[in-house]
Protein backbone atom coordinates (compact mmCIF):
# COMPACT_ATOMS: atom_id res chain seq x y z
CA MET A 1 -240.27 -64.40 -70.95
CA THR A 2 -239.50 -65.36 -67.29
CA GLY A 3 -241.10 -67.91 -65.00
CA VAL A 4 -244.36 -69.79 -65.34
CA PRO A 5 -247.01 -67.89 -67.29
CA LYS A 6 -250.13 -67.25 -65.05
CA ILE A 7 -253.46 -67.86 -66.94
CA SER A 8 -256.69 -66.62 -65.49
CA VAL A 9 -260.30 -66.20 -67.06
CA PHE A 10 -260.82 -62.43 -67.74
CA HIS A 11 -264.72 -63.36 -69.07
CA ASP A 12 -266.41 -66.58 -68.59
CA GLY A 13 -268.61 -66.83 -71.82
CA ARG A 14 -269.53 -69.03 -74.70
CA ASP A 15 -268.90 -67.23 -77.66
CA ARG A 16 -269.38 -68.98 -80.98
CA VAL A 17 -266.18 -67.54 -82.58
CA GLY A 18 -264.72 -64.87 -80.03
CA GLU A 19 -262.13 -62.65 -81.90
CA SER A 20 -260.42 -59.53 -82.29
CA PRO A 21 -259.64 -58.17 -78.93
CA LEU A 22 -258.92 -54.55 -78.64
CA TRP A 23 -257.21 -52.86 -75.97
CA ASP A 24 -258.66 -49.31 -74.92
CA ALA A 25 -256.47 -47.59 -72.98
CA GLY A 26 -258.78 -44.56 -72.71
CA SER A 27 -261.22 -46.59 -70.75
CA ALA A 28 -259.37 -49.28 -69.35
CA SER A 29 -261.37 -51.56 -71.29
CA LEU A 30 -261.08 -54.62 -73.59
CA TRP A 31 -263.54 -54.85 -76.70
CA TRP A 32 -263.91 -57.95 -78.75
CA VAL A 33 -266.57 -59.73 -81.00
CA ASP A 34 -268.31 -62.73 -81.37
CA ILE A 35 -268.40 -63.22 -85.22
CA GLU A 36 -270.98 -65.84 -85.29
CA GLY A 37 -272.95 -64.49 -82.47
CA LYS A 38 -273.25 -61.22 -84.39
CA ALA A 39 -271.98 -59.17 -80.83
CA LEU A 40 -269.67 -56.54 -79.93
CA ARG A 41 -268.64 -56.94 -76.22
CA ARG A 42 -266.61 -54.24 -74.06
CA LYS A 43 -265.56 -55.26 -70.51
CA HIS A 44 -263.88 -52.88 -67.92
CA VAL A 45 -260.92 -54.38 -66.47
CA ALA A 46 -261.19 -52.98 -62.72
CA SER A 47 -265.12 -53.03 -62.24
CA GLY A 48 -265.91 -56.07 -64.46
CA ARG A 49 -268.51 -54.30 -65.85
CA LEU A 50 -269.69 -56.11 -69.45
CA ALA A 51 -272.00 -54.48 -72.14
CA SER A 52 -272.69 -56.44 -75.14
CA PHE A 53 -274.14 -54.95 -78.24
CA ASP A 54 -276.18 -57.03 -80.94
CA LEU A 55 -275.16 -56.30 -84.48
CA ASP A 56 -276.99 -56.88 -87.92
CA ILE A 57 -273.71 -58.31 -89.57
CA MET A 58 -270.80 -60.60 -88.85
CA PRO A 59 -268.29 -58.22 -87.35
CA GLY A 60 -264.58 -59.01 -87.94
CA ALA A 61 -262.00 -56.80 -86.60
CA LEU A 62 -261.74 -53.81 -84.37
CA ALA A 63 -259.94 -50.41 -84.50
CA LEU A 64 -259.94 -47.39 -82.44
CA ASP A 65 -260.37 -44.16 -84.10
CA GLU A 66 -258.33 -41.13 -82.94
CA ASP A 67 -261.52 -39.51 -81.63
CA GLY A 68 -261.90 -42.92 -79.27
CA SER A 69 -264.75 -44.19 -80.99
CA VAL A 70 -264.65 -47.84 -82.22
CA ILE A 71 -264.39 -48.77 -86.29
CA VAL A 72 -265.62 -52.18 -86.96
CA ALA A 73 -264.30 -54.23 -90.04
CA ALA A 74 -267.60 -56.05 -90.92
CA GLY A 75 -269.41 -57.55 -93.75
CA ALA A 76 -267.80 -56.21 -96.84
CA GLY A 77 -266.70 -52.91 -95.46
CA TRP A 78 -265.72 -50.47 -92.58
CA TYR A 79 -268.11 -49.07 -90.21
CA ARG A 80 -268.36 -46.56 -87.17
CA PHE A 81 -270.00 -47.90 -83.95
CA ASP A 82 -272.08 -45.72 -81.83
CA ALA A 83 -271.78 -47.07 -78.34
CA LYS A 84 -274.86 -44.82 -76.95
CA THR A 85 -277.09 -46.52 -79.52
CA GLY A 86 -275.23 -49.71 -80.67
CA ALA A 87 -275.70 -48.80 -84.38
CA LEU A 88 -273.15 -49.32 -87.08
CA SER A 89 -272.97 -46.52 -89.60
CA LEU A 90 -271.29 -47.46 -93.03
CA ILE A 91 -267.98 -45.57 -94.01
CA ALA A 92 -266.83 -47.36 -97.03
CA GLU A 93 -266.88 -50.99 -98.53
CA VAL A 94 -265.40 -52.96 -101.31
CA THR A 95 -266.88 -55.28 -103.88
CA THR A 96 -266.48 -58.99 -103.57
CA PRO A 97 -266.56 -61.77 -106.01
CA ARG A 98 -269.11 -63.75 -104.20
CA PRO A 99 -271.81 -62.43 -101.92
CA GLU A 100 -271.10 -64.87 -99.03
CA MET A 101 -267.84 -63.18 -97.94
CA ARG A 102 -266.92 -60.74 -95.33
CA MET A 103 -264.16 -59.26 -93.39
CA ASN A 104 -262.09 -60.98 -90.89
CA ASP A 105 -258.75 -60.07 -89.22
CA GLY A 106 -257.22 -56.60 -89.12
CA VAL A 107 -254.75 -54.30 -87.65
CA VAL A 108 -253.67 -50.32 -87.88
CA ASP A 109 -250.39 -49.30 -89.51
CA PRO A 110 -248.47 -46.29 -88.06
CA ALA A 111 -250.00 -43.95 -90.57
CA GLY A 112 -253.52 -44.89 -89.24
CA ARG A 113 -254.73 -47.08 -92.18
CA PHE A 114 -257.03 -49.88 -91.20
CA TRP A 115 -256.14 -53.24 -93.02
CA SER A 116 -258.48 -56.14 -93.08
CA GLY A 117 -259.34 -58.69 -95.65
CA THR A 118 -262.06 -60.68 -96.80
CA MET A 119 -262.91 -64.44 -96.57
CA HIS A 120 -265.68 -66.48 -97.88
CA MET A 121 -268.42 -68.04 -95.69
CA PRO A 122 -267.98 -70.66 -94.83
CA PRO A 123 -264.16 -71.05 -95.59
CA GLU A 124 -263.48 -72.98 -98.84
CA ARG A 125 -260.48 -74.12 -100.64
CA GLU A 126 -260.91 -71.50 -103.57
CA PRO A 127 -258.72 -68.39 -102.77
CA VAL A 128 -261.09 -65.73 -103.32
CA GLY A 129 -260.20 -63.28 -100.31
CA THR A 130 -258.10 -60.05 -100.39
CA LEU A 131 -256.39 -58.05 -97.84
CA TYR A 132 -257.24 -54.34 -98.25
CA ALA A 133 -255.76 -51.09 -96.86
CA PHE A 134 -258.17 -48.56 -95.98
CA ASP A 135 -256.94 -44.96 -95.21
CA GLY A 136 -260.46 -43.50 -94.58
CA ASP A 137 -261.25 -42.41 -98.02
CA LYS A 138 -260.37 -45.57 -100.55
CA ALA A 139 -259.55 -49.16 -99.76
CA VAL A 140 -256.69 -50.43 -101.79
CA ALA A 141 -256.45 -54.28 -102.53
CA THR A 142 -253.06 -55.22 -101.63
CA VAL A 143 -252.92 -58.95 -101.43
CA GLU A 144 -255.21 -61.53 -103.29
CA GLY A 145 -255.76 -65.12 -103.55
CA LEU A 146 -256.50 -65.65 -99.66
CA ARG A 147 -258.71 -68.23 -98.15
CA THR A 148 -258.81 -67.34 -94.68
CA GLN A 149 -257.06 -64.06 -94.02
CA ASN A 150 -255.52 -63.81 -90.82
CA GLY A 151 -252.74 -63.15 -88.52
CA CYS A 152 -252.18 -59.21 -89.21
CA ALA A 153 -249.68 -57.51 -87.00
CA ILE A 154 -246.84 -54.78 -87.69
CA SER A 155 -243.30 -54.65 -86.02
CA PRO A 156 -242.46 -52.05 -83.52
CA ASP A 157 -240.28 -50.31 -86.14
CA GLY A 158 -243.20 -50.09 -88.55
CA LYS A 159 -241.11 -52.00 -91.24
CA THR A 160 -242.28 -55.64 -91.13
CA PHE A 161 -245.95 -56.62 -92.05
CA TYR A 162 -247.34 -60.05 -91.14
CA LEU A 163 -250.09 -61.87 -92.50
CA ALA A 164 -251.23 -65.29 -92.28
CA ASP A 165 -254.16 -67.62 -94.18
CA SER A 166 -255.40 -70.05 -91.42
CA HIS A 167 -257.28 -72.19 -94.11
CA PRO A 168 -256.16 -76.07 -93.26
CA ALA A 169 -254.74 -76.14 -96.96
CA VAL A 170 -252.49 -73.16 -96.26
CA ARG A 171 -251.58 -72.82 -92.84
CA THR A 172 -248.95 -70.22 -93.13
CA ILE A 173 -247.66 -66.90 -91.98
CA TRP A 174 -245.85 -64.58 -94.26
CA ALA A 175 -243.74 -61.56 -93.58
CA PHE A 176 -243.27 -58.42 -95.98
CA ASP A 177 -241.08 -55.16 -96.03
CA PHE A 178 -243.29 -52.46 -95.24
CA ASP A 179 -243.24 -48.93 -96.23
CA ALA A 180 -245.72 -47.31 -93.86
CA SER A 181 -245.51 -43.74 -95.51
CA THR A 182 -247.01 -45.33 -98.71
CA GLY A 183 -248.71 -48.66 -97.44
CA VAL A 184 -246.62 -50.76 -99.91
CA LEU A 185 -245.92 -54.57 -99.06
CA ALA A 186 -242.74 -55.86 -100.72
CA ASN A 187 -240.63 -59.09 -100.63
CA ARG A 188 -243.08 -61.51 -99.57
CA ARG A 189 -241.68 -64.25 -97.87
CA VAL A 190 -242.67 -67.28 -95.76
CA PHE A 191 -242.36 -66.40 -91.89
CA HIS A 192 -243.52 -69.61 -90.35
CA LYS A 193 -245.49 -72.74 -90.81
CA PRO A 194 -246.89 -74.03 -87.38
CA SER A 195 -246.19 -77.68 -86.38
CA ARG A 196 -249.21 -77.47 -83.99
CA GLY A 197 -252.40 -76.03 -84.91
CA ARG A 198 -253.38 -73.52 -87.55
CA PRO A 199 -252.05 -69.83 -87.08
CA ASP A 200 -255.12 -67.29 -86.27
CA GLY A 201 -255.10 -63.72 -84.91
CA ALA A 202 -251.69 -62.07 -83.69
CA CYS A 203 -250.09 -59.63 -82.19
CA VAL A 204 -246.22 -58.12 -81.92
CA ASP A 205 -244.66 -57.72 -78.31
CA ALA A 206 -242.27 -54.76 -77.62
CA ASP A 207 -239.07 -56.90 -78.33
CA GLY A 208 -240.44 -57.43 -82.05
CA CYS A 209 -241.60 -61.15 -81.38
CA TYR A 210 -244.74 -62.20 -83.21
CA TRP A 211 -247.42 -64.37 -81.26
CA PHE A 212 -250.20 -66.04 -82.68
CA ALA A 213 -253.14 -68.14 -81.55
CA ALA A 214 -252.85 -71.78 -82.57
CA VAL A 215 -256.40 -72.66 -83.30
CA GLU A 216 -257.08 -76.55 -82.71
CA GLY A 217 -253.55 -76.42 -81.13
CA GLY A 218 -254.65 -75.05 -77.90
CA CYS A 219 -251.84 -72.67 -77.47
CA ILE A 220 -250.21 -69.12 -78.09
CA THR A 221 -247.08 -69.21 -79.51
CA ARG A 222 -244.16 -66.80 -79.86
CA LEU A 223 -241.80 -66.26 -82.74
CA ASP A 224 -238.72 -64.22 -82.95
CA SER A 225 -237.92 -61.83 -85.82
CA GLY A 226 -236.66 -64.79 -87.85
CA GLY A 227 -239.66 -66.87 -87.47
CA ASN A 228 -238.26 -69.26 -84.77
CA GLU A 229 -240.57 -70.70 -82.21
CA ILE A 230 -239.08 -69.48 -78.83
CA ALA A 231 -242.13 -69.92 -76.62
CA SER A 232 -245.21 -71.53 -76.43
CA ILE A 233 -248.11 -71.48 -73.68
CA ASP A 234 -250.70 -74.21 -73.23
CA LEU A 235 -254.15 -72.86 -72.86
CA PRO A 236 -257.50 -74.40 -71.24
CA VAL A 237 -258.94 -74.20 -74.75
CA SER A 238 -258.06 -75.82 -77.92
CA ARG A 239 -259.46 -73.06 -80.05
CA PRO A 240 -257.74 -69.92 -79.08
CA THR A 241 -258.55 -67.27 -81.91
CA LYS A 242 -256.37 -64.11 -81.17
CA PRO A 243 -253.90 -62.44 -78.39
CA VAL A 244 -253.56 -58.83 -77.52
CA PHE A 245 -251.61 -56.95 -75.10
CA GLY A 246 -253.39 -54.93 -72.64
CA GLY A 247 -253.79 -53.60 -69.04
CA ASP A 248 -252.04 -50.39 -67.31
CA ASP A 249 -248.56 -51.57 -68.50
CA LEU A 250 -249.31 -53.69 -71.66
CA SER A 251 -248.15 -57.05 -70.08
CA THR A 252 -251.36 -58.79 -70.02
CA ILE A 253 -252.17 -60.86 -73.02
CA PHE A 254 -255.75 -61.30 -73.47
CA VAL A 255 -256.84 -64.30 -75.77
CA THR A 256 -259.93 -64.76 -76.98
CA SER A 257 -261.37 -68.30 -78.13
CA MET A 258 -264.11 -70.01 -79.92
CA SER A 259 -266.91 -72.63 -78.79
CA ALA A 260 -268.00 -73.24 -82.61
CA GLY A 261 -267.24 -76.54 -84.26
CA LEU A 262 -266.83 -78.19 -81.03
CA ASP A 263 -269.56 -81.09 -80.18
CA ALA A 264 -271.01 -81.76 -76.75
CA ALA A 265 -268.41 -84.00 -75.68
CA GLN A 266 -265.83 -81.32 -76.19
CA LEU A 267 -267.57 -78.55 -74.78
CA ALA A 268 -267.87 -80.90 -71.62
CA ARG A 269 -264.17 -81.01 -71.59
CA GLU A 270 -263.57 -77.47 -72.36
CA PRO A 271 -265.92 -75.48 -70.14
CA LEU A 272 -263.79 -72.25 -71.12
CA ALA A 273 -264.10 -72.78 -74.79
CA GLY A 274 -265.57 -69.25 -75.98
CA SER A 275 -264.24 -67.47 -73.19
CA VAL A 276 -261.57 -64.47 -72.84
CA LEU A 277 -258.38 -65.64 -71.03
CA ALA A 278 -255.66 -63.19 -69.33
CA VAL A 279 -252.05 -64.56 -69.69
CA GLU A 280 -249.09 -63.14 -67.70
CA ALA A 281 -246.17 -64.12 -69.32
CA GLY A 282 -243.57 -61.40 -68.29
CA VAL A 283 -243.61 -59.49 -71.69
CA ARG A 284 -244.85 -56.42 -72.65
CA GLY A 285 -246.62 -55.20 -75.71
CA PHE A 286 -246.61 -51.56 -77.31
CA ALA A 287 -249.25 -49.27 -77.73
CA GLN A 288 -251.02 -49.57 -80.85
CA PRO A 289 -251.88 -46.90 -83.40
CA HIS A 290 -255.26 -45.39 -84.01
CA PHE A 291 -257.14 -45.01 -87.01
CA ARG A 292 -256.69 -41.63 -88.66
CA ARG A 293 -258.51 -40.31 -91.80
CA THR A 294 -256.21 -38.81 -94.92
CA PRO A 295 -256.00 -35.14 -95.02
CA ALA A 296 -258.44 -35.11 -97.93
CA ARG A 297 -261.14 -36.99 -95.80
CA GLN A 298 -260.54 -34.86 -92.95
CA ALA A 299 -260.83 -31.81 -95.23
CA ALA A 300 -264.08 -33.04 -96.69
CA ALA A 301 -265.54 -34.03 -93.20
CA ALA A 302 -264.76 -30.39 -92.11
CA GLY A 303 -266.62 -29.03 -94.98
CA SER A 304 -269.66 -30.80 -94.59
């Protein structure tokens, strides 16, 4: 990072829980969701055109399919989104221990798996959430005992997987050794425990540094590969939710935020709560993998 970061407003809105920004290089657009508002949004960077789609269920995480369509982790499963009709079609689902659960944060690995995890609604102290790896054919439970699953990201070399739990009783980011060929996580260890706010959504830059949104901390924080804080950027919102790199050269950090949980006085002090911010920090991201079906599923689809 060099110089003073420049912060601007990409989308001035009042999302209840703006989350899961996704850069779509093919259309030069940013996708994101409003979880509690049950909405999916897309905004074209150059023209500023905004499209909003109402959904029947709470969306959690987003990914791009290799065909360019959007895959949504929502409810208790993964769905394909049809931008022409605004409809979701179920691809696969998991069985949850309680009915009041939904998918939350997610990431796609180099092999094309879409990782996402479940959390209870509303969040509670009992650890009933699970992180799953979905390969387009089956979803495999990989980490159990989570409260508010979050912070999924993968290092540029594909060898380190990051996972966080945002619950106030946990507030921890873990790192795992990762084998992208098998999807196996190993050597779980504490990577970082924030001193400011709680670790929400995250991304990794081209230098291998981990960026997370400090919800209730009002900033995005950059950690080196050892989990040490090396930079923090204050934002005009107290509840940022997730950063992602985007733009033509992947040098813009788009950050979603939430207005939920703020009273009238707090909302008056934070007119941008629920908006999407754009941060220029002199750092670049790297192109993210697309969701890909396993060969078995591809063959089945071709024969149907």
